[in-house]
């Protein structure tokens, strides 16, 4: 595994791999503090690619002024150990100065898809995401890029960016990876106290309860699903809801009030963001709703 820290070194390493016929190239962009979710992305990249590139970069452009950029967890040695174990060939760890050597006057912005969910709660966040990912795509020029569906809105936004700008990369979305008790893996889970972590399990339980209610026909509309979700999450005293939404996926369009969840004819996303203490957690479920049985 080769660790590089400049764009020039990255391109040199990639040229060497491509000249040796080690294509296609798979790319896993991360902000580090790696966990099993990132490991699963590396394994998927290894299945589809002959060269696997991972980047580790905590991107200041996607953090708001009162967010956790300075305190975001970092552990380079641990990250490199995991990356090597999971088969990364090249790990790109640039400094902020390497990524942004001058003030960034050009930014990538995907409208509409970024106005809801985390985009509404974190203004400017997705402009930072799309700008840095576009830069990384230009640097790596991968054939495939792998992202976890825990950040499903990010997947939708990046796929639209790639489509709109004719970027020659395939975005591959990978399933959410969870702890044995259901908590979705996140680098920010380290912030949780023992009690906060225990109560955070309400998120996966709530999503499961809504899916079950839909399958049984007890919940048939987005409004009913949202009401049930809020009720379930509110059973945890420490939970402070940021948003609970049911939208089409990947277009993230609002479902007509009162219309059956099956009316869109496409996938839907049940998405939520909830704070426990200072930690904001997101979770979701993306699926095609099936016709519910008739109520007796």
C-alpha atoms as a PDB file:
ATOM      1  CA  UNK A   1       0.000   0.000   0.000  1.00  0.00           C
ATOM      2  CA  UNK A   2       1.348   3.423  -0.927  1.00  0.00           C
ATOM      3  CA  UNK A   3       0.517   6.536   1.111  1.00  0.00           C
ATOM      4  CA  UNK A   4       0.650   9.817  -0.814  1.00  0.00           C
ATOM      5  CA  UNK A   5       0.031  13.347   0.384  1.00  0.00           C
ATOM      6  CA  UNK A   6       0.196  15.538  -2.712  1.00  0.00           C
ATOM      7  CA  UNK A   7      -1.771  15.594  -5.948  1.00  0.00           C
ATOM      8  CA  UNK A   8       1.471  15.090  -7.886  1.00  0.00           C
ATOM      9  CA  UNK A   9       2.315  11.965  -5.873  1.00  0.00           C
ATOM     10  CA  UNK A  10      -1.234  10.655  -6.314  1.00  0.00           C
ATOM     11  CA  UNK A  11      -1.120  11.071 -10.085  1.00  0.00           C
ATOM     12  CA  UNK A  12       2.330   9.483 -10.269  1.00  0.00           C
ATOM     13  CA  UNK A  13       1.106   6.459  -8.296  1.00  0.00           C
ATOM     14  CA  UNK A  14      -2.017   6.132 -10.442  1.00  0.00           C
ATOM     15  CA  UNK A  15      -0.048   6.473 -13.681  1.00  0.00           C
ATOM     16  CA  UNK A  16       2.191   3.627 -12.534  1.00  0.00           C
ATOM     17  CA  UNK A  17      -0.818   1.399 -11.757  1.00  0.00           C
ATOM     18  CA  UNK A  18      -2.585   2.191 -15.020  1.00  0.00           C
ATOM     19  CA  UNK A  19       0.549   1.649 -17.108  1.00  0.00           C
ATOM     20  CA  UNK A  20       0.860  -1.745 -15.479  1.00  0.00           C
ATOM     21  CA  UNK A  21      -2.671  -2.612 -16.554  1.00  0.00           C
ATOM     22  CA  UNK A  22      -4.119  -2.424 -13.052  1.00  0.00           C
ATOM     23  CA  UNK A  23      -7.507  -1.116 -14.090  1.00  0.00           C
ATOM     24  CA  UNK A  24     -10.328  -0.436 -13.455  1.00  0.00           C
ATOM     25  CA  UNK A  25      -9.741   2.001 -10.594  1.00  0.00           C
ATOM     26  CA  UNK A  26     -12.117   2.057  -7.637  1.00  0.00           C
ATOM     27  CA  UNK A  27     -12.245   5.036  -5.283  1.00  0.00           C
ATOM     28  CA  UNK A  28     -13.464   5.344  -1.685  1.00  0.00           C
ATOM     29  CA  UNK A  29     -13.523   8.973  -0.442  1.00  0.00           C
ATOM     30  CA  UNK A  30     -13.617   9.284   3.369  1.00  0.00           C
ATOM     31  CA  UNK A  31     -13.055  11.757   6.163  1.00  0.00           C
ATOM     32  CA  UNK A  32     -11.121   9.176   8.131  1.00  0.00           C
ATOM     33  CA  UNK A  33     -11.704   7.730  11.596  1.00  0.00           C
ATOM     34  CA  UNK A  34     -12.541   4.571   9.724  1.00  0.00           C
ATOM     35  CA  UNK A  35     -14.926   1.860  10.893  1.00  0.00           C
ATOM     36  CA  UNK A  36     -16.480  -1.309   9.520  1.00  0.00           C
ATOM     37  CA  UNK A  37     -18.696   0.716   7.207  1.00  0.00           C
ATOM     38  CA  UNK A  38     -15.620   2.102   5.445  1.00  0.00           C
ATOM     39  CA  UNK A  39     -14.071  -1.371   5.456  1.00  0.00           C
ATOM     40  CA  UNK A  40     -17.120  -2.715   3.619  1.00  0.00           C
ATOM     41  CA  UNK A  41     -16.677  -0.020   0.953  1.00  0.00           C
ATOM     42  CA  UNK A  42     -13.040  -1.007   0.477  1.00  0.00           C
ATOM     43  CA  UNK A  43     -14.001  -4.658   0.129  1.00  0.00           C
ATOM     44  CA  UNK A  44     -16.645  -3.789  -2.455  1.00  0.00           C
ATOM     45  CA  UNK A  45     -14.132  -1.648  -4.314  1.00  0.00           C
ATOM     46  CA  UNK A  46     -11.701  -4.567  -4.304  1.00  0.00           C
ATOM     47  CA  UNK A  47     -14.330  -6.846  -5.837  1.00  0.00           C
ATOM     48  CA  UNK A  48     -14.899  -4.516  -8.798  1.00  0.00           C
ATOM     49  CA  UNK A  49     -11.482  -2.894  -9.218  1.00  0.00           C
ATOM     50  CA  UNK A  50      -7.866  -3.854  -9.742  1.00  0.00           C
ATOM     51  CA  UNK A  51      -6.624  -0.666  -8.096  1.00  0.00           C
ATOM     52  CA  UNK A  52      -8.316   0.651  -4.949  1.00  0.00           C
ATOM     53  CA  UNK A  53      -7.743   4.259  -3.919  1.00  0.00           C
ATOM     54  CA  UNK A  54      -8.924   5.685  -0.619  1.00  0.00           C
ATOM     55  CA  UNK A  55      -8.772   9.344   0.344  1.00  0.00           C
ATOM     56  CA  UNK A  56      -8.755  10.603   3.925  1.00  0.00           C
ATOM     57  CA  UNK A  57      -9.562  14.291   4.170  1.00  0.00           C
ATOM     58  CA  UNK A  58     -11.674  16.211   6.676  1.00  0.00           C
ATOM     59  CA  UNK A  59     -13.122  18.767   4.311  1.00  0.00           C
ATOM     60  CA  UNK A  60     -13.606  22.211   5.908  1.00  0.00           C
ATOM     61  CA  UNK A  61     -15.958  23.365   3.134  1.00  0.00           C
ATOM     62  CA  UNK A  62     -18.735  21.042   4.274  1.00  0.00           C
ATOM     63  CA  UNK A  63     -18.733  22.135   7.912  1.00  0.00           C
ATOM     64  CA  UNK A  64     -20.795  25.073   9.142  1.00  0.00           C
ATOM     65  CA  UNK A  65     -19.377  27.722  11.510  1.00  0.00           C
ATOM     66  CA  UNK A  66     -20.804  26.045  14.616  1.00  0.00           C
ATOM     67  CA  UNK A  67     -20.109  22.460  13.591  1.00  0.00           C
ATOM     68  CA  UNK A  68     -17.414  20.021  14.672  1.00  0.00           C
ATOM     69  CA  UNK A  69     -14.655  20.519  12.094  1.00  0.00           C
ATOM     70  CA  UNK A  70     -11.912  21.179  14.666  1.00  0.00           C
ATOM     71  CA  UNK A  71     -12.984  18.323  16.937  1.00  0.00           C
ATOM     72  CA  UNK A  72     -13.918  15.800  14.253  1.00  0.00           C
ATOM     73  CA  UNK A  73     -12.239  12.529  15.310  1.00  0.00           C
ATOM     74  CA  UNK A  74      -8.941  11.743  13.605  1.00  0.00           C
ATOM     75  CA  UNK A  75      -6.593   8.754  13.931  1.00  0.00           C
ATOM     76  CA  UNK A  76      -4.295   8.385  10.926  1.00  0.00           C
ATOM     77  CA  UNK A  77      -2.306   5.402  12.191  1.00  0.00           C
ATOM     78  CA  UNK A  78      -5.454   3.414  12.921  1.00  0.00           C
ATOM     79  CA  UNK A  79      -6.954   4.415   9.566  1.00  0.00           C
ATOM     80  CA  UNK A  80      -3.885   3.247   7.643  1.00  0.00           C
ATOM     81  CA  UNK A  81      -3.902  -0.076   9.460  1.00  0.00           C
ATOM     82  CA  UNK A  82      -7.535  -0.682   8.446  1.00  0.00           C
ATOM     83  CA  UNK A  83      -6.937   0.497   4.872  1.00  0.00           C
ATOM     84  CA  UNK A  84      -4.008  -1.881   4.419  1.00  0.00           C
ATOM     85  CA  UNK A  85      -5.894  -4.769   5.988  1.00  0.00           C
ATOM     86  CA  UNK A  86      -8.827  -4.236   3.603  1.00  0.00           C
ATOM     87  CA  UNK A  87      -6.678  -4.082   0.480  1.00  0.00           C
ATOM     88  CA  UNK A  88      -6.282  -0.401  -0.391  1.00  0.00           C
ATOM     89  CA  UNK A  89      -3.489   0.128  -2.923  1.00  0.00           C
ATOM     90  CA  UNK A  90      -3.156   3.909  -2.616  1.00  0.00           C
ATOM     91  CA  UNK A  91      -4.206   6.114   0.299  1.00  0.00           C
ATOM     92  CA  UNK A  92      -4.341   9.843  -0.424  1.00  0.00           C
ATOM     93  CA  UNK A  93      -4.052  12.017   2.717  1.00  0.00           C
ATOM     94  CA  UNK A  94      -3.779  15.648   1.592  1.00  0.00           C
ATOM     95  CA  UNK A  95      -3.525  18.693   3.812  1.00  0.00           C
ATOM     96  CA  UNK A  96      -6.048  21.491   3.595  1.00  0.00           C
ATOM     97  CA  UNK A  97      -3.360  23.568   1.860  1.00  0.00           C
ATOM     98  CA  UNK A  98      -2.843  20.841  -0.754  1.00  0.00           C
ATOM     99  CA  UNK A  99      -6.563  20.598  -1.495  1.00  0.00           C
ATOM    100  CA  UNK A 100      -7.198  24.344  -1.369  1.00  0.00           C
ATOM    101  CA  UNK A 101      -3.939  26.135  -2.198  1.00  0.00           C
ATOM    102  CA  UNK A 102      -5.841  29.348  -2.849  1.00  0.00           C
ATOM    103  CA  UNK A 103      -9.282  30.691  -1.901  1.00  0.00           C
ATOM    104  CA  UNK A 104     -11.917  28.587  -3.626  1.00  0.00           C
ATOM    105  CA  UNK A 105     -13.836  30.842  -5.997  1.00  0.00           C
ATOM    106  CA  UNK A 106     -15.421  27.951  -7.899  1.00  0.00           C
ATOM    107  CA  UNK A 107     -17.945  25.716  -6.194  1.00  0.00           C
ATOM    108  CA  UNK A 108     -20.241  22.959  -7.423  1.00  0.00           C
ATOM    109  CA  UNK A 109     -23.871  23.284  -6.369  1.00  0.00           C
ATOM    110  CA  UNK A 110     -26.678  20.806  -7.024  1.00  0.00           C
ATOM    111  CA  UNK A 111     -29.984  22.600  -6.587  1.00  0.00           C
ATOM    112  CA  UNK A 112     -33.324  21.131  -5.457  1.00  0.00           C
ATOM    113  CA  UNK A 113     -31.933  17.869  -4.057  1.00  0.00           C
ATOM    114  CA  UNK A 114     -29.952  19.814  -1.456  1.00  0.00           C
ATOM    115  CA  UNK A 115     -32.821  21.917  -0.089  1.00  0.00           C
ATOM    116  CA  UNK A 116     -34.346  19.142   2.051  1.00  0.00           C
ATOM    117  CA  UNK A 117     -33.221  16.791   4.800  1.00  0.00           C
ATOM    118  CA  UNK A 118     -29.603  17.526   5.802  1.00  0.00           C
ATOM    119  CA  UNK A 119     -29.409  20.300   3.217  1.00  0.00           C
ATOM    120  CA  UNK A 120     -32.109  22.254   5.053  1.00  0.00           C
ATOM    121  CA  UNK A 121     -30.473  21.670   8.438  1.00  0.00           C
ATOM    122  CA  UNK A 122     -26.915  22.360   7.262  1.00  0.00           C
ATOM    123  CA  UNK A 123     -26.931  25.196   4.705  1.00  0.00           C
ATOM    124  CA  UNK A 124     -23.958  25.028   2.378  1.00  0.00           C
ATOM    125  CA  UNK A 125     -23.006  21.513   3.479  1.00  0.00           C
ATOM    126  CA  UNK A 126     -23.667  19.841   0.148  1.00  0.00           C
ATOM    127  CA  UNK A 127     -21.906  22.574  -1.817  1.00  0.00           C
ATOM    128  CA  UNK A 128     -18.827  21.624   0.183  1.00  0.00           C
ATOM    129  CA  UNK A 129     -19.406  17.927  -0.469  1.00  0.00           C
ATOM    130  CA  UNK A 130     -19.927  18.260  -4.219  1.00  0.00           C
ATOM    131  CA  UNK A 131     -16.990  20.652  -4.600  1.00  0.00           C
ATOM    132  CA  UNK A 132     -14.489  18.405  -2.815  1.00  0.00           C
ATOM    133  CA  UNK A 133     -15.785  15.196  -4.439  1.00  0.00           C
ATOM    134  CA  UNK A 134     -15.590  16.817  -7.876  1.00  0.00           C
ATOM    135  CA  UNK A 135     -11.985  17.825  -7.144  1.00  0.00           C
ATOM    136  CA  UNK A 136     -11.160  14.305  -5.967  1.00  0.00           C
ATOM    137  CA  UNK A 137     -12.779  12.776  -9.053  1.00  0.00           C
ATOM    138  CA  UNK A 138     -10.612  15.040 -11.216  1.00  0.00           C
ATOM    139  CA  UNK A 139      -7.509  13.986  -9.301  1.00  0.00           C
ATOM    140  CA  UNK A 140      -8.188  10.230  -9.204  1.00  0.00           C
ATOM    141  CA  UNK A 141     -10.271   9.805 -12.388  1.00  0.00           C
ATOM    142  CA  UNK A 142     -11.782   6.580 -11.056  1.00  0.00           C
ATOM    143  CA  UNK A 143     -13.971   4.149 -12.955  1.00  0.00           C
ATOM    144  CA  UNK A 144     -16.067   3.497  -9.839  1.00  0.00           C
ATOM    145  CA  UNK A 145     -16.677   5.456  -6.639  1.00  0.00           C
ATOM    146  CA  UNK A 146     -18.169   3.819  -3.544  1.00  0.00           C
ATOM    147  CA  UNK A 147     -20.411   5.543  -0.997  1.00  0.00           C
ATOM    148  CA  UNK A 148     -22.474   4.220   1.898  1.00  0.00           C
ATOM    149  CA  UNK A 149     -26.247   4.573   1.851  1.00  0.00           C
ATOM    150  CA  UNK A 150     -26.261   5.859   5.421  1.00  0.00           C
ATOM    151  CA  UNK A 151     -25.725   9.210   3.697  1.00  0.00           C
ATOM    152  CA  UNK A 152     -28.416   8.438   1.116  1.00  0.00           C
ATOM    153  CA  UNK A 153     -29.012  12.105   0.290  1.00  0.00           C
ATOM    154  CA  UNK A 154     -25.298  12.437  -0.465  1.00  0.00           C
ATOM    155  CA  UNK A 155     -25.543   9.474  -2.852  1.00  0.00           C
ATOM    156  CA  UNK A 156     -28.506  11.073  -4.637  1.00  0.00           C
ATOM    157  CA  UNK A 157     -26.728  14.435  -4.898  1.00  0.00           C
ATOM    158  CA  UNK A 158     -23.475  12.966  -6.203  1.00  0.00           C
ATOM    159  CA  UNK A 159     -25.235  10.795  -8.757  1.00  0.00           C
ATOM    160  CA  UNK A 160     -27.031  13.861 -10.072  1.00  0.00           C
ATOM    161  CA  UNK A 161     -23.778  15.837 -10.195  1.00  0.00           C
ATOM    162  CA  UNK A 162     -22.082  13.045 -12.149  1.00  0.00           C
ATOM    163  CA  UNK A 163     -25.018  12.826 -14.551  1.00  0.00           C
ATOM    164  CA  UNK A 164     -25.405  16.566 -15.078  1.00  0.00           C
ATOM    165  CA  UNK A 165     -21.678  17.170 -15.609  1.00  0.00           C
ATOM    166  CA  UNK A 166     -20.983  14.010 -17.656  1.00  0.00           C
ATOM    167  CA  UNK A 167     -18.320  12.841 -15.229  1.00  0.00           C
ATOM    168  CA  UNK A 168     -17.031   9.453 -16.340  1.00  0.00           C
ATOM    169  CA  UNK A 169     -17.474   7.554 -13.081  1.00  0.00           C
ATOM    170  CA  UNK A 170     -20.091   5.133 -11.796  1.00  0.00           C
ATOM    171  CA  UNK A 171     -21.391   5.864  -8.304  1.00  0.00           C
ATOM    172  CA  UNK A 172     -21.950   2.605  -6.446  1.00  0.00           C
ATOM    173  CA  UNK A 173     -24.130   2.825  -3.345  1.00  0.00           C
ATOM    174  CA  UNK A 174     -23.418   0.248  -0.636  1.00  0.00           C
ATOM    175  CA  UNK A 175     -25.732  -0.896   2.193  1.00  0.00           C
ATOM    176  CA  UNK A 176     -25.739   0.664   5.639  1.00  0.00           C
ATOM    177  CA  UNK A 177     -23.518  -1.226   8.066  1.00  0.00           C
ATOM    178  CA  UNK A 178     -24.842  -1.501  11.611  1.00  0.00           C
ATOM    179  CA  UNK A 179     -23.666  -2.637  15.003  1.00  0.00           C
ATOM    180  CA  UNK A 180     -25.182  -5.897  16.237  1.00  0.00           C
ATOM    181  CA  UNK A 181     -27.761  -3.889  18.196  1.00  0.00           C
ATOM    182  CA  UNK A 182     -28.848  -1.925  15.094  1.00  0.00           C
ATOM    183  CA  UNK A 183     -27.038   1.392  15.523  1.00  0.00           C
ATOM    184  CA  UNK A 184     -25.794   2.633  12.140  1.00  0.00           C
ATOM    185  CA  UNK A 185     -22.017   2.944  12.140  1.00  0.00           C
ATOM    186  CA  UNK A 186     -20.730   6.519  12.129  1.00  0.00           C
ATOM    187  CA  UNK A 187     -17.439   8.166  13.024  1.00  0.00           C
ATOM    188  CA  UNK A 188     -19.458  10.523  15.232  1.00  0.00           C
ATOM    189  CA  UNK A 189     -20.761   7.666  17.406  1.00  0.00           C
ATOM    190  CA  UNK A 190     -17.606   8.155  19.481  1.00  0.00           C
ATOM    191  CA  UNK A 191     -19.156  11.367  20.832  1.00  0.00           C
ATOM    192  CA  UNK A 192     -22.066   9.500  22.463  1.00  0.00           C
ATOM    193  CA  UNK A 193     -22.174   8.878  26.191  1.00  0.00           C
ATOM    194  CA  UNK A 194     -23.229   5.405  27.319  1.00  0.00           C
ATOM    195  CA  UNK A 195     -26.789   6.575  27.983  1.00  0.00           C
ATOM    196  CA  UNK A 196     -27.012   8.526  24.724  1.00  0.00           C
ATOM    197  CA  UNK A 197     -25.814   5.514  22.775  1.00  0.00           C
ATOM    198  CA  UNK A 198     -28.357   3.289  24.476  1.00  0.00           C
ATOM    199  CA  UNK A 199     -31.186   5.686  23.630  1.00  0.00           C
ATOM    200  CA  UNK A 200     -29.909   6.157  20.051  1.00  0.00           C
ATOM    201  CA  UNK A 201     -31.019   2.594  19.320  1.00  0.00           C
ATOM    202  CA  UNK A 202     -34.513   4.073  19.026  1.00  0.00           C
ATOM    203  CA  UNK A 203     -33.600   5.208  15.510  1.00  0.00           C
ATOM    204  CA  UNK A 204     -33.199   1.775  13.932  1.00  0.00           C
ATOM    205  CA  UNK A 205     -36.086   0.424  16.024  1.00  0.00           C
ATOM    206  CA  UNK A 206     -38.351   3.200  14.771  1.00  0.00           C
ATOM    207  CA  UNK A 207     -37.449   2.583  11.137  1.00  0.00           C
ATOM    208  CA  UNK A 208     -38.094  -1.126  11.616  1.00  0.00           C
ATOM    209  CA  UNK A 209     -41.444  -0.455  13.311  1.00  0.00           C
ATOM    210  CA  UNK A 210     -42.625   1.760  10.463  1.00  0.00           C
ATOM    211  CA  UNK A 211     -41.618  -0.780   7.821  1.00  0.00           C
ATOM    212  CA  UNK A 212     -43.484  -3.482   9.713  1.00  0.00           C
ATOM    213  CA  UNK A 213     -46.564  -1.273  10.068  1.00  0.00           C
ATOM    214  CA  UNK A 214     -46.471  -0.558   6.336  1.00  0.00           C
ATOM    215  CA  UNK A 215     -46.120  -4.231   5.448  1.00  0.00           C
ATOM    216  CA  UNK A 216     -49.070  -5.084   7.683  1.00  0.00           C
ATOM    217  CA  UNK A 217     -51.229  -2.298   6.252  1.00  0.00           C
ATOM    218  CA  UNK A 218     -51.455  -0.306   9.500  1.00  0.00           C
ATOM    219  CA  UNK A 219     -49.595   2.586   7.837  1.00  0.00           C
ATOM    220  CA  UNK A 220     -50.465   3.517   4.260  1.00  0.00           C
ATOM    221  CA  UNK A 221     -49.499   7.174   3.706  1.00  0.00           C
ATOM    222  CA  UNK A 222     -46.426   9.313   4.271  1.00  0.00           C
ATOM    223  CA  UNK A 223     -48.287  11.361   6.882  1.00  0.00           C
ATOM    224  CA  UNK A 224     -49.163   8.229   8.851  1.00  0.00           C
ATOM    225  CA  UNK A 225     -45.604   6.933   8.595  1.00  0.00           C
ATOM    226  CA  UNK A 226     -44.175  10.242   9.768  1.00  0.00           C
ATOM    227  CA  UNK A 227     -46.575  10.409  12.724  1.00  0.00           C
ATOM    228  CA  UNK A 228     -45.617   6.897  13.816  1.00  0.00           C
ATOM    229  CA  UNK A 229     -41.905   7.643  13.452  1.00  0.00           C
ATOM    230  CA  UNK A 230     -42.121  10.779  15.574  1.00  0.00           C
ATOM    231  CA  UNK A 231     -44.084   8.898  18.226  1.00  0.00           C
ATOM    232  CA  UNK A 232     -41.543   6.067  18.337  1.00  0.00           C
ATOM    233  CA  UNK A 233     -38.499   8.364  18.450  1.00  0.00           C
ATOM    234  CA  UNK A 234     -40.071  10.567  21.116  1.00  0.00           C
ATOM    235  CA  UNK A 235     -40.158   7.588  23.465  1.00  0.00           C
ATOM    236  CA  UNK A 236     -36.434   8.228  24.021  1.00  0.00           C
ATOM    237  CA  UNK A 237     -36.164  11.151  26.490  1.00  0.00           C
ATOM    238  CA  UNK A 238     -32.815  12.391  25.143  1.00  0.00           C
ATOM    239  CA  UNK A 239     -33.883  12.383  21.492  1.00  0.00           C
ATOM    240  CA  UNK A 240     -34.258  15.822  19.883  1.00  0.00           C
ATOM    241  CA  UNK A 241     -35.667  15.462  16.373  1.00  0.00           C
ATOM    242  CA  UNK A 242     -34.082  17.544  13.617  1.00  0.00           C
ATOM    243  CA  UNK A 243     -36.185  16.064  10.821  1.00  0.00           C
ATOM    244  CA  UNK A 244     -38.305  13.051   9.962  1.00  0.00           C
ATOM    245  CA  UNK A 245     -39.218  12.832   6.280  1.00  0.00           C
ATOM    246  CA  UNK A 246     -40.641  10.380   3.748  1.00  0.00           C
ATOM    247  CA  UNK A 247     -39.696  11.292   0.166  1.00  0.00           C
ATOM    248  CA  UNK A 248     -39.223   9.685  -3.230  1.00  0.00           C
ATOM    249  CA  UNK A 249     -35.718   8.443  -3.958  1.00  0.00           C
ATOM    250  CA  UNK A 250     -33.453   9.541  -5.558  1.00  0.00           C
ATOM    251  CA  UNK A 251     -35.423  12.634  -6.610  1.00  0.00           C
ATOM    252  CA  UNK A 252     -36.256  13.535  -2.980  1.00  0.00           C
ATOM    253  CA  UNK A 253     -39.696  14.811  -3.905  1.00  0.00           C
ATOM    254  CA  UNK A 254     -42.473  15.281  -1.364  1.00  0.00           C
ATOM    255  CA  UNK A 255     -45.248  12.679  -1.566  1.00  0.00           C
ATOM    256  CA  UNK A 256     -48.771  14.005  -2.042  1.00  0.00           C
ATOM    257  CA  UNK A 257     -50.570  14.346   1.310  1.00  0.00           C
ATOM    258  CA  UNK A 258     -52.888  11.410   1.908  1.00  0.00           C
ATOM    259  CA  UNK A 259     -51.721   9.472  -1.155  1.00  0.00           C
ATOM    260  CA  UNK A 260     -50.665   5.826  -0.696  1.00  0.00           C
ATOM    261  CA  UNK A 261     -46.941   5.273  -0.269  1.00  0.00           C
ATOM    262  CA  UNK A 262     -47.093   3.044  -3.346  1.00  0.00           C
ATOM    263  CA  UNK A 263     -48.464   5.887  -5.503  1.00  0.00           C
ATOM    264  CA  UNK A 264     -45.019   7.176  -6.538  1.00  0.00           C
ATOM    265  CA  UNK A 265     -44.259   3.894  -8.273  1.00  0.00           C
ATOM    266  CA  UNK A 266     -40.607   4.204  -7.287  1.00  0.00           C
ATOM    267  CA  UNK A 267     -38.300   3.849  -4.324  1.00  0.00           C
ATOM    268  CA  UNK A 268     -38.955   5.971  -1.280  1.00  0.00           C
ATOM    269  CA  UNK A 269     -36.677   7.025   1.534  1.00  0.00           C
ATOM    270  CA  UNK A 270     -37.672   7.241   5.177  1.00  0.00           C
ATOM    271  CA  UNK A 271     -34.999   9.565   6.538  1.00  0.00           C
ATOM    272  CA  UNK A 272     -34.350  11.037   9.947  1.00  0.00           C
ATOM    273  CA  UNK A 273     -31.842  13.148  11.820  1.00  0.00           C
ATOM    274  CA  UNK A 274     -31.934  13.201  15.603  1.00  0.00           C
ATOM    275  CA  UNK A 275     -29.659  14.740  18.203  1.00  0.00           C
ATOM    276  CA  UNK A 276     -28.567  12.995  21.378  1.00  0.00           C
ATOM    277  CA  UNK A 277     -26.709  15.548  23.460  1.00  0.00           C
ATOM    278  CA  UNK A 278     -24.239  17.262  21.104  1.00  0.00           C
ATOM    279  CA  UNK A 279     -24.255  14.376  18.616  1.00  0.00           C
ATOM    280  CA  UNK A 280     -26.443  14.544  15.523  1.00  0.00           C
ATOM    281  CA  UNK A 281     -27.148  11.117  14.042  1.00  0.00           C
ATOM    282  CA  UNK A 282     -28.774  10.274  10.717  1.00  0.00           C
ATOM    283  CA  UNK A 283     -30.395   7.047   9.582  1.00  0.00           C
ATOM    284  CA  UNK A 284     -32.699   5.965   6.785  1.00  0.00           C
ATOM    285  CA  UNK A 285     -34.373   3.174   4.902  1.00  0.00           C
ATOM    286  CA  UNK A 286     -34.591   3.183   1.092  1.00  0.00           C
ATOM    287  CA  UNK A 287     -36.990   0.690  -0.466  1.00  0.00           C
ATOM    288  CA  UNK A 288     -39.847   0.110  -2.900  1.00  0.00           C
ATOM    289  CA  UNK A 289     -43.079  -0.061  -0.876  1.00  0.00           C
ATOM    290  CA  UNK A 290     -45.279  -3.025  -1.616  1.00  0.00           C
ATOM    291  CA  UNK A 291     -49.042  -3.041  -1.680  1.00  0.00           C
ATOM    292  CA  UNK A 292     -50.319  -3.348   1.849  1.00  0.00           C
ATOM    293  CA  UNK A 293     -52.952  -5.980   2.628  1.00  0.00           C
ATOM    294  CA  UNK A 294     -56.560  -4.875   2.837  1.00  0.00           C
ATOM    295  CA  UNK A 295     -57.681  -3.832   6.293  1.00  0.00           C
ATOM    296  CA  UNK A 296     -60.279  -6.183   7.784  1.00  0.00           C
END
